[in-house]
């Protein structure tokens, strides 16, 4: 993959809209709640992702008692209340890898870590990740799987869902391209992830407060040359409905949810009620993306959102072993704060 062939948007956007320097420090609380919000959204959306007949209440929160996961192959299993899925666990892999390396991203490490995760008996793994990583132990084996399964044809939202930690780093354009290419190397997916990470970065710096939210959204998403992103941008800014059932894991659905939620919600709980209300959609991924942008936008103000804080405490206190699925401790959201502190120490 020749990463320099993917268009670089960050310097162009910074010049045109006179946004903050790429070296400007992100706000710590915004960073923390960006990642916490992602985990909370994932946990809230998860029961509806795997049970499309589940009744969606007007107010959607985490059920402390957990929920039943239905599988044609493994029957019904109890999932602990507050359990997260692949969106959060892959985000934590990316976050912890950056923290452990002093704020440096390593693509080779990321491949190995995603491989280890996919072989950790997780029930939350999409088809593309299963094809690329399961029963593979080496980077060479991963490369052979890529040649066999052609992930460049997969226009899914998996890479966008996990990429939020990249927004903490200076060279987010290049790193977004590198990480996205591991599972979703299509140029369309890479362009979408670059635009999304730039948007998160601008929210973390507070650019939307000085330049205006509409200006920042237009700077990151309007007229990208990617028709799917352009359509999602137009629909979201016009407050238009979007069909997110057809091709439910399409990457542009996540972009639509990110723009819409940032424009029209200042409350995490209200944003969750909106995004999970759509039946037969990729509920956990869309809610994770919405949680990330609202967390980055609102930061410490979310501590006044009682429903969000309750849901966050359930996520941080979750014991997967209280259900039927055991997960390795290193993938638990309780490690988010320590990783963020370690990365900030390098900035």
Protein backbone atom coordinates (compact mmCIF):
# COMPACT_ATOMS: atom_id res chain seq x y z
CA UNK A 1 0.00 0.00 0.00
CA UNK A 2 1.48 3.33 -1.06
CA UNK A 3 0.12 5.57 1.68
CA UNK A 4 1.37 8.73 0.01
CA UNK A 5 -1.12 8.07 -2.79
CA UNK A 6 -4.01 8.72 -0.40
CA UNK A 7 -4.83 12.40 -0.47
CA UNK A 8 -3.74 14.35 2.62
CA UNK A 9 -6.57 16.53 3.84
CA UNK A 10 -5.23 17.91 7.10
CA UNK A 11 -2.86 20.60 5.81
CA UNK A 12 -5.37 21.69 3.16
CA UNK A 13 -8.16 22.07 5.71
CA UNK A 14 -5.95 23.88 8.21
CA UNK A 15 -4.91 26.44 5.59
CA UNK A 16 -8.35 27.03 4.10
CA UNK A 17 -10.30 27.37 7.33
CA UNK A 18 -7.51 28.77 9.53
CA UNK A 19 -8.09 26.07 12.11
CA UNK A 20 -5.71 25.45 14.99
CA UNK A 21 -2.20 24.24 14.30
CA UNK A 22 -1.81 20.49 14.06
CA UNK A 23 0.50 20.81 17.08
CA UNK A 24 -2.22 22.34 19.27
CA UNK A 25 -2.89 20.31 22.40
CA UNK A 26 -6.17 18.37 22.60
CA UNK A 27 -8.23 18.85 25.73
CA UNK A 28 -7.71 16.01 28.22
CA UNK A 29 -11.34 15.72 29.37
CA UNK A 30 -12.56 15.75 25.77
CA UNK A 31 -10.14 12.95 24.94
CA UNK A 32 -11.20 10.90 27.92
CA UNK A 33 -14.93 11.24 27.23
CA UNK A 34 -14.42 10.66 23.50
CA UNK A 35 -13.15 7.17 24.37
CA UNK A 36 -15.53 6.62 27.27
CA UNK A 37 -18.42 7.74 25.06
CA UNK A 38 -17.37 5.25 22.40
CA UNK A 39 -17.43 2.42 24.95
CA UNK A 40 -20.79 3.51 26.39
CA UNK A 41 -22.33 3.75 22.92
CA UNK A 42 -21.01 0.30 22.03
CA UNK A 43 -22.49 -1.22 25.21
CA UNK A 44 -25.85 0.53 24.72
CA UNK A 45 -26.15 -0.49 21.08
CA UNK A 46 -24.90 -4.06 21.48
CA UNK A 47 -28.16 -5.75 22.60
CA UNK A 48 -30.03 -4.30 19.62
CA UNK A 49 -27.34 -5.25 17.12
CA UNK A 50 -27.76 -8.93 17.94
CA UNK A 51 -31.53 -8.97 18.55
CA UNK A 52 -33.38 -7.04 15.88
CA UNK A 53 -36.78 -7.93 17.38
CA UNK A 54 -35.89 -6.39 20.73
CA UNK A 55 -38.27 -3.58 21.65
CA UNK A 56 -36.52 -0.22 21.73
CA UNK A 57 -37.75 1.93 24.64
CA UNK A 58 -37.94 5.70 24.35
CA UNK A 59 -35.05 6.05 26.81
CA UNK A 60 -32.29 3.59 26.01
CA UNK A 61 -29.77 2.73 28.73
CA UNK A 62 -27.63 -0.23 29.71
CA UNK A 63 -29.55 -3.03 31.43
CA UNK A 64 -27.59 -3.80 34.59
CA UNK A 65 -28.92 -7.36 34.49
CA UNK A 66 -27.41 -8.00 31.06
CA UNK A 67 -29.10 -9.53 28.03
CA UNK A 68 -29.30 -12.79 26.10
CA UNK A 69 -27.14 -13.12 23.00
CA UNK A 70 -28.83 -15.35 20.42
CA UNK A 71 -26.65 -17.50 18.17
CA UNK A 72 -27.66 -20.16 15.65
CA UNK A 73 -24.45 -22.05 16.44
CA UNK A 74 -23.98 -21.57 20.20
CA UNK A 75 -27.52 -21.03 21.47
CA UNK A 76 -28.42 -18.33 23.99
CA UNK A 77 -25.72 -16.84 26.20
CA UNK A 78 -26.03 -14.21 28.92
CA UNK A 79 -24.01 -11.05 28.24
CA UNK A 80 -23.13 -9.03 31.35
CA UNK A 81 -24.62 -5.55 31.69
CA UNK A 82 -22.10 -3.01 30.42
CA UNK A 83 -20.24 -5.50 28.21
CA UNK A 84 -18.57 -3.93 25.17
CA UNK A 85 -17.91 -5.55 21.81
CA UNK A 86 -15.36 -5.42 18.99
CA UNK A 87 -15.61 -1.65 18.47
CA UNK A 88 -14.34 -0.88 21.97
CA UNK A 89 -11.92 -3.78 22.26
CA UNK A 90 -10.18 -2.89 19.00
CA UNK A 91 -10.08 0.77 20.07
CA UNK A 92 -8.38 -0.28 23.32
CA UNK A 93 -5.86 -2.35 21.36
CA UNK A 94 -5.02 0.71 19.28
CA UNK A 95 -4.97 3.03 22.32
CA UNK A 96 -2.83 0.78 24.52
CA UNK A 97 -0.38 0.10 21.70
CA UNK A 98 0.18 3.83 21.24
CA UNK A 99 0.49 4.37 25.01
CA UNK A 100 2.98 1.54 25.48
CA UNK A 101 5.17 2.94 22.70
CA UNK A 102 5.41 6.45 24.08
CA UNK A 103 2.81 7.96 21.76
CA UNK A 104 4.06 6.14 18.64
CA UNK A 105 1.88 4.04 16.32
CA UNK A 106 3.23 0.78 14.92
CA UNK A 107 1.34 -0.87 12.08
CA UNK A 108 3.12 -4.19 12.52
CA UNK A 109 2.29 -4.25 16.23
CA UNK A 110 -1.34 -3.36 15.43
CA UNK A 111 -1.64 -6.27 12.99
CA UNK A 112 -0.25 -8.70 15.57
CA UNK A 113 -2.49 -7.28 18.31
CA UNK A 114 -5.64 -7.46 16.16
CA UNK A 115 -4.68 -11.05 15.30
CA UNK A 116 -4.33 -11.96 18.96
CA UNK A 117 -7.68 -10.34 19.72
CA UNK A 118 -9.51 -12.16 16.90
CA UNK A 119 -8.22 -15.47 18.29
CA UNK A 120 -9.25 -14.70 21.89
CA UNK A 121 -12.60 -16.50 21.54
CA UNK A 122 -14.52 -13.27 21.16
CA UNK A 123 -18.06 -13.73 19.85
CA UNK A 124 -17.97 -10.14 18.61
CA UNK A 125 -15.95 -10.35 15.42
CA UNK A 126 -17.11 -9.27 11.97
CA UNK A 127 -16.71 -11.45 8.89
CA UNK A 128 -13.86 -9.41 7.46
CA UNK A 129 -11.77 -9.60 10.65
CA UNK A 130 -12.54 -13.30 10.92
CA UNK A 131 -11.29 -13.87 7.39
CA UNK A 132 -8.10 -11.87 7.91
CA UNK A 133 -7.06 -12.79 11.44
CA UNK A 134 -8.58 -15.96 12.87
CA UNK A 135 -6.30 -19.01 12.97
CA UNK A 136 -3.42 -16.80 11.76
CA UNK A 137 -0.30 -16.31 13.89
CA UNK A 138 2.13 -14.26 11.77
CA UNK A 139 2.14 -11.07 9.71
CA UNK A 140 3.05 -13.23 6.73
CA UNK A 141 -0.05 -15.31 7.32
CA UNK A 142 -2.10 -12.14 7.51
CA UNK A 143 -0.64 -10.97 4.18
CA UNK A 144 -1.60 -14.27 2.57
CA UNK A 145 -5.14 -13.90 3.91
CA UNK A 146 -5.30 -10.41 2.36
CA UNK A 147 -4.35 -11.87 -1.01
CA UNK A 148 -7.04 -14.52 -0.64
CA UNK A 149 -9.97 -12.46 0.69
CA UNK A 150 -9.29 -9.06 -0.99
CA UNK A 151 -10.31 -6.74 1.89
CA UNK A 152 -10.00 -3.76 -0.46
CA UNK A 153 -13.49 -4.68 -1.64
CA UNK A 154 -14.93 -4.42 1.90
CA UNK A 155 -16.43 -0.95 2.41
CA UNK A 156 -17.36 -1.48 6.04
CA UNK A 157 -17.23 0.73 9.14
CA UNK A 158 -14.88 -1.42 11.26
CA UNK A 159 -11.80 0.78 10.98
CA UNK A 160 -13.75 4.01 11.58
CA UNK A 161 -15.28 2.56 14.75
CA UNK A 162 -11.89 1.87 16.37
CA UNK A 163 -9.81 4.81 15.12
CA UNK A 164 -10.63 7.51 17.72
CA UNK A 165 -7.24 7.29 19.54
CA UNK A 166 -5.50 8.37 16.33
CA UNK A 167 -7.03 11.83 16.80
CA UNK A 168 -4.68 12.33 19.77
CA UNK A 169 -1.62 12.08 17.53
CA UNK A 170 0.04 14.74 15.40
CA UNK A 171 0.35 12.84 12.11
CA UNK A 172 -3.21 11.55 12.14
CA UNK A 173 -3.57 11.55 8.33
CA UNK A 174 -0.77 9.08 7.78
CA UNK A 175 -1.58 6.94 10.81
CA UNK A 176 -5.28 6.77 9.90
CA UNK A 177 -4.31 5.51 6.44
CA UNK A 178 -1.94 2.92 7.89
CA UNK A 179 -4.38 1.53 10.44
CA UNK A 180 -7.42 1.61 8.17
CA UNK A 181 -5.48 -0.28 5.50
CA UNK A 182 -5.07 -3.27 7.83
CA UNK A 183 -8.74 -4.25 7.52
CA UNK A 184 -10.27 -1.78 5.06
CA UNK A 185 -7.64 -0.74 2.49
CA UNK A 186 -10.14 0.63 -0.04
CA UNK A 187 -9.26 4.28 -0.83
CA UNK A 188 -12.85 5.26 0.01
CA UNK A 189 -12.55 3.85 3.54
CA UNK A 190 -9.16 5.46 4.08
CA UNK A 191 -10.44 8.86 2.94
CA UNK A 192 -13.44 8.52 5.28
CA UNK A 193 -11.24 7.63 8.25
CA UNK A 194 -8.89 10.53 7.54
CA UNK A 195 -11.80 12.96 7.44
CA UNK A 196 -13.32 11.48 10.60
CA UNK A 197 -10.09 11.58 12.62
CA UNK A 198 -9.47 15.17 11.54
CA UNK A 199 -12.99 16.01 12.71
CA UNK A 200 -12.38 14.36 16.09
CA UNK A 201 -9.07 16.22 16.38
CA UNK A 202 -10.78 19.55 15.75
CA UNK A 203 -13.40 18.75 18.40
CA UNK A 204 -10.71 17.79 20.91
CA UNK A 205 -8.96 21.13 20.38
CA UNK A 206 -12.20 23.08 20.68
CA UNK A 207 -12.02 24.47 17.13
CA UNK A 208 -15.82 24.23 16.91
CA UNK A 209 -16.16 26.78 19.71
CA UNK A 210 -14.13 29.46 17.92
CA UNK A 211 -14.79 28.71 14.24
CA UNK A 212 -18.35 27.36 14.55
CA UNK A 213 -19.57 23.77 14.28
CA UNK A 214 -20.92 24.11 10.73
CA UNK A 215 -17.58 25.48 9.55
CA UNK A 216 -15.63 22.62 11.09
CA UNK A 217 -17.98 19.98 9.70
CA UNK A 218 -17.79 21.52 6.23
CA UNK A 219 -14.01 21.69 6.46
CA UNK A 220 -13.73 17.99 7.22
CA UNK A 221 -16.54 16.43 5.21
CA UNK A 222 -17.85 18.69 2.41
CA UNK A 223 -16.62 18.16 -1.18
CA UNK A 224 -14.07 15.48 -0.30
CA UNK A 225 -14.24 13.94 -3.75
CA UNK A 226 -15.78 10.83 -2.14
CA UNK A 227 -19.39 10.70 -3.29
CA UNK A 228 -20.60 8.54 -0.40
CA UNK A 229 -19.18 10.98 2.17
CA UNK A 230 -20.61 13.94 0.24
CA UNK A 231 -24.09 12.37 0.26
CA UNK A 232 -23.86 11.58 3.98
CA UNK A 233 -22.76 15.17 4.67
CA UNK A 234 -25.68 16.65 2.69
CA UNK A 235 -28.23 14.36 4.36
CA UNK A 236 -26.97 15.00 7.89
CA UNK A 237 -26.68 18.77 7.56
CA UNK A 238 -30.17 18.90 6.03
CA UNK A 239 -31.47 16.78 8.91
CA UNK A 240 -32.71 14.29 6.34
CA UNK A 241 -33.42 10.63 7.04
CA UNK A 242 -31.03 8.02 5.69
CA UNK A 243 -31.51 4.36 4.83
CA UNK A 244 -29.06 2.65 7.19
CA UNK A 245 -30.62 -0.81 6.86
CA UNK A 246 -29.43 -1.54 3.34
CA UNK A 247 -25.76 -2.49 3.47
CA UNK A 248 -25.95 -1.80 7.21
CA UNK A 249 -22.19 -1.81 7.88
CA UNK A 250 -21.40 0.70 5.11
CA UNK A 251 -18.76 3.19 6.27
CA UNK A 252 -20.75 6.25 5.15
CA UNK A 253 -23.55 5.43 7.62
CA UNK A 254 -21.06 6.06 10.43
CA UNK A 255 -20.09 9.41 8.90
CA UNK A 256 -23.76 10.40 8.66
CA UNK A 257 -24.32 9.50 12.34
CA UNK A 258 -21.22 11.41 13.41
CA UNK A 259 -22.22 14.62 11.61
CA UNK A 260 -25.90 14.45 12.58
CA UNK A 261 -25.25 13.79 16.27
CA UNK A 262 -22.63 16.53 16.55
CA UNK A 263 -24.93 19.11 14.96
CA UNK A 264 -28.13 18.35 16.81
CA UNK A 265 -27.23 16.92 20.25
CA UNK A 266 -25.41 18.27 23.29
CA UNK A 267 -26.50 15.40 25.51
CA UNK A 268 -24.93 11.94 25.27
CA UNK A 269 -28.14 10.32 26.47
CA UNK A 270 -30.32 12.10 23.90
CA UNK A 271 -27.87 11.18 21.14
CA UNK A 272 -27.96 7.52 22.21
CA UNK A 273 -31.76 7.49 22.26
CA UNK A 274 -31.69 8.79 18.67
CA UNK A 275 -29.05 6.55 17.14
CA UNK A 276 -30.24 3.28 18.70
CA UNK A 277 -33.89 3.97 17.79
CA UNK A 278 -33.37 2.80 14.20
CA UNK A 279 -34.26 -0.92 13.88
CA UNK A 280 -32.18 -3.42 11.91
CA UNK A 281 -29.11 -1.17 11.74
CA UNK A 282 -25.52 -1.62 12.94
CA UNK A 283 -26.57 -0.32 16.34
CA UNK A 284 -23.39 -0.86 18.33
CA UNK A 285 -21.04 0.62 15.71
CA UNK A 286 -23.23 3.64 14.99
CA UNK A 287 -23.71 4.28 18.70
CA UNK A 288 -19.96 3.95 19.33
CA UNK A 289 -19.23 6.58 16.67
CA UNK A 290 -21.91 8.88 18.09
CA UNK A 291 -20.54 8.38 21.61
CA UNK A 292 -17.05 9.34 20.44
CA UNK A 293 -18.10 12.59 18.75
CA UNK A 294 -20.39 13.71 21.58
CA UNK A 295 -17.65 12.93 24.11
CA UNK A 296 -15.11 14.92 22.08
CA UNK A 297 -17.56 17.80 21.65
CA UNK A 298 -18.83 18.08 25.23
CA UNK A 299 -15.95 16.81 27.35
CA UNK A 300 -16.27 17.46 31.05
CA UNK A 301 -19.79 18.90 30.64
CA UNK A 302 -21.02 15.32 30.27
CA UNK A 303 -20.48 14.78 33.98
CA UNK A 304 -23.82 16.60 34.43
CA UNK A 305 -25.58 13.97 32.26
CA UNK A 306 -26.82 11.56 34.96
CA UNK A 307 -27.88 8.81 32.57
CA UNK A 308 -24.53 8.88 30.77
CA UNK A 309 -22.59 8.79 34.04
CA UNK A 310 -24.64 5.80 35.25
CA UNK A 311 -24.04 3.98 31.97
CA UNK A 312 -20.34 4.80 32.13
CA UNK A 313 -20.08 3.39 35.65
CA UNK A 314 -21.76 0.18 34.49
CA UNK A 315 -19.26 -0.14 31.64
CA UNK A 316 -16.25 0.49 33.91
CA UNK A 317 -17.55 -1.88 36.59
CA UNK A 318 -18.65 -4.63 34.20
CA UNK A 319 -17.45 -8.15 34.99
CA UNK A 320 -17.83 -10.20 31.81
CA UNK A 321 -17.50 -13.39 33.88
CA UNK A 322 -20.87 -12.62 35.48
CA UNK A 323 -22.31 -13.61 32.12
CA UNK A 324 -21.52 -16.51 29.82
CA UNK A 325 -18.59 -14.92 27.98
CA UNK A 326 -15.17 -14.41 29.52
CA UNK A 327 -12.93 -11.70 28.03
CA UNK A 328 -9.23 -10.96 28.65
CA UNK A 329 -8.69 -8.19 31.20
CA UNK A 330 -6.47 -6.16 28.86
CA UNK A 331 -9.46 -5.38 26.62
CA UNK A 332 -11.52 -3.87 29.46
CA UNK A 333 -12.53 -0.17 29.24
CA UNK A 334 -11.18 0.48 32.74
CA UNK A 335 -7.74 0.81 31.10
CA UNK A 336 -8.78 3.80 28.99
CA UNK A 337 -7.92 6.51 31.52
CA UNK A 338 -4.44 5.17 32.24
CA UNK A 339 -3.64 4.96 28.53
CA UNK A 340 -4.86 8.51 27.89
CA UNK A 341 -2.69 9.80 30.74
CA UNK A 342 0.33 7.97 29.32
CA UNK A 343 -0.22 9.44 25.85
CA UNK A 344 -0.69 12.95 27.23
CA UNK A 345 2.62 12.64 29.02
CA UNK A 346 4.25 12.33 25.58
CA UNK A 347 2.50 15.29 23.92
